[in-house]
Amino acid sequence: MAHWTFLTNHAHVLMCLAENPTIRLRDVAARVEITERAAQRIVTELEEAGYLVRVREGRRNNYQLNTAMPLRHPLDSDYRISELLATFAGSAGTAGSTGGANSVLPDES
């Protein structure tokens, strides 16, 4: 039987970054069960699409999420990233809080 999940790797990466804005991509990859290169590609795609901003702090990155962005699929486009993150906040093994004040860009909706 094929292995599949209801959420995409993009959603899982976003939830990891929301939980810990300074997490290493190596650790994101391990949690999402993808390669480190795939995690890098997903973060780059999310950044290029405006879903996050990467801020360099010393040797680490701090990922600031734009939670006002809509979900991408036409069936989901009425919903915002903030709603996705709130749905999974506090669930065991998934995104907890959306981090400190530095981790989330203001919701402009």
Protein backbone atom coordinates (compact mmCIF):
# COMPACT_ATOMS: atom_id res chain seq x y z
CA MET A 1 0.00 0.00 0.00
CA ALA A 2 1.34 3.45 -0.91
CA HIS A 3 2.42 5.79 1.89
CA TRP A 4 0.59 9.13 1.79
CA THR A 5 -0.54 11.86 4.16
CA PHE A 6 -3.26 14.50 4.14
CA LEU A 7 -0.78 17.38 4.46
CA THR A 8 2.00 18.13 1.99
CA ASN A 9 5.67 18.36 2.83
CA HIS A 10 5.33 22.13 2.34
CA ALA A 11 2.72 22.26 5.13
CA HIS A 12 4.87 20.10 7.40
CA VAL A 13 7.93 22.31 6.83
CA LEU A 14 5.86 25.42 7.51
CA MET A 15 4.57 23.92 10.77
CA CYS A 16 8.12 23.06 11.87
CA LEU A 17 9.26 26.63 11.20
CA ALA A 18 6.24 28.02 13.07
CA GLU A 19 7.05 25.85 16.07
CA ASN A 20 10.74 26.76 16.10
CA PRO A 21 11.75 29.75 13.92
CA THR A 22 15.48 29.07 14.41
CA ILE A 23 15.39 25.32 13.68
CA ARG A 24 18.13 23.96 11.43
CA LEU A 25 16.97 22.64 8.06
CA ARG A 26 18.71 19.37 8.90
CA ASP A 27 16.31 19.01 11.83
CA VAL A 28 13.30 20.06 9.72
CA ALA A 29 14.22 17.37 7.20
CA ALA A 30 14.47 14.73 9.92
CA ARG A 31 11.07 15.66 11.40
CA VAL A 32 9.32 15.78 8.01
CA GLU A 33 11.16 12.63 6.86
CA ILE A 34 12.59 14.20 3.71
CA THR A 35 16.13 14.93 2.59
CA GLU A 36 17.90 18.08 3.73
CA ARG A 37 18.06 19.19 0.09
CA ALA A 38 14.27 18.79 -0.24
CA ALA A 39 13.80 20.87 2.92
CA GLN A 40 16.04 23.59 1.44
CA ARG A 41 14.06 23.55 -1.81
CA ILE A 42 10.73 23.81 0.03
CA VAL A 43 11.95 26.72 2.19
CA THR A 44 13.19 28.50 -0.94
CA GLU A 45 9.83 27.95 -2.66
CA LEU A 46 7.93 29.22 0.40
CA GLU A 47 10.21 32.26 0.56
CA GLU A 48 9.85 33.05 -3.16
CA ALA A 49 6.04 32.77 -2.85
CA GLY A 50 5.99 35.21 0.10
CA TYR A 51 5.03 32.72 2.81
CA LEU A 52 8.18 33.35 4.84
CA VAL A 53 11.18 35.61 5.18
CA ARG A 54 14.61 34.22 6.03
CA VAL A 55 16.60 36.51 8.36
CA ARG A 56 20.25 35.68 8.98
CA GLU A 57 21.25 35.92 12.67
CA GLY A 58 24.91 35.09 13.07
CA ARG A 59 25.36 31.54 11.81
CA ARG A 60 21.64 30.69 12.02
CA ASN A 61 18.51 31.62 10.12
CA ASN A 62 15.35 32.94 11.73
CA TYR A 63 12.25 32.17 9.70
CA GLN A 64 9.47 34.76 9.90
CA LEU A 65 6.15 33.49 8.60
CA ASN A 66 3.65 35.61 6.72
CA THR A 67 0.53 34.12 8.30
CA ALA A 68 -1.79 36.41 6.32
CA MET A 69 -1.03 34.50 3.11
CA PRO A 70 -3.83 32.32 1.73
CA LEU A 71 -3.53 28.61 1.17
CA ARG A 72 -2.66 27.96 -2.47
CA HIS A 73 -5.23 25.47 -3.74
CA PRO A 74 -8.41 27.07 -5.16
CA LEU A 75 -10.55 24.98 -2.78
CA ASP A 76 -8.58 26.33 0.21
CA SER A 77 -7.85 29.89 -0.90
CA ASP A 78 -10.40 31.41 1.49
CA TYR A 79 -8.25 30.21 4.40
CA ARG A 80 -5.02 31.74 5.72
CA ILE A 81 -1.79 30.15 6.90
CA SER A 82 -2.62 31.40 10.40
CA GLU A 83 -5.73 29.19 10.38
CA LEU A 84 -3.75 26.14 9.29
CA LEU A 85 -1.19 26.72 12.04
CA ALA A 86 -3.90 27.34 14.64
CA THR A 87 -5.59 24.07 13.72
CA PHE A 88 -2.45 22.12 14.57
CA ALA A 89 -1.17 24.28 17.45
CA GLY A 90 -0.46 22.21 20.53
CA SER A 91 -0.85 18.84 18.79
CA ALA A 92 1.74 16.28 19.84
CA GLY A 93 4.56 16.10 17.29
CA THR A 94 3.31 19.02 15.20
CA ALA A 95 3.49 22.77 15.37
CA GLY A 96 3.09 24.28 18.79
CA SER A 97 2.76 27.99 19.25
CA THR A 98 3.77 30.15 16.35
CA GLY A 99 6.86 31.21 18.29
CA GLY A 100 7.84 34.57 19.65
CA ALA A 101 7.05 37.99 18.31
CA ASN A 102 9.99 37.76 15.92
CA SER A 103 8.81 34.57 14.23
CA VAL A 104 5.52 35.64 12.67
CA LEU A 105 4.86 38.59 10.41
CA PRO A 106 1.69 40.55 11.27
CA ASP A 107 -1.59 39.14 9.98
CA GLU A 108 -2.90 41.82 7.65
CA SER A 109 -6.34 40.31 7.03
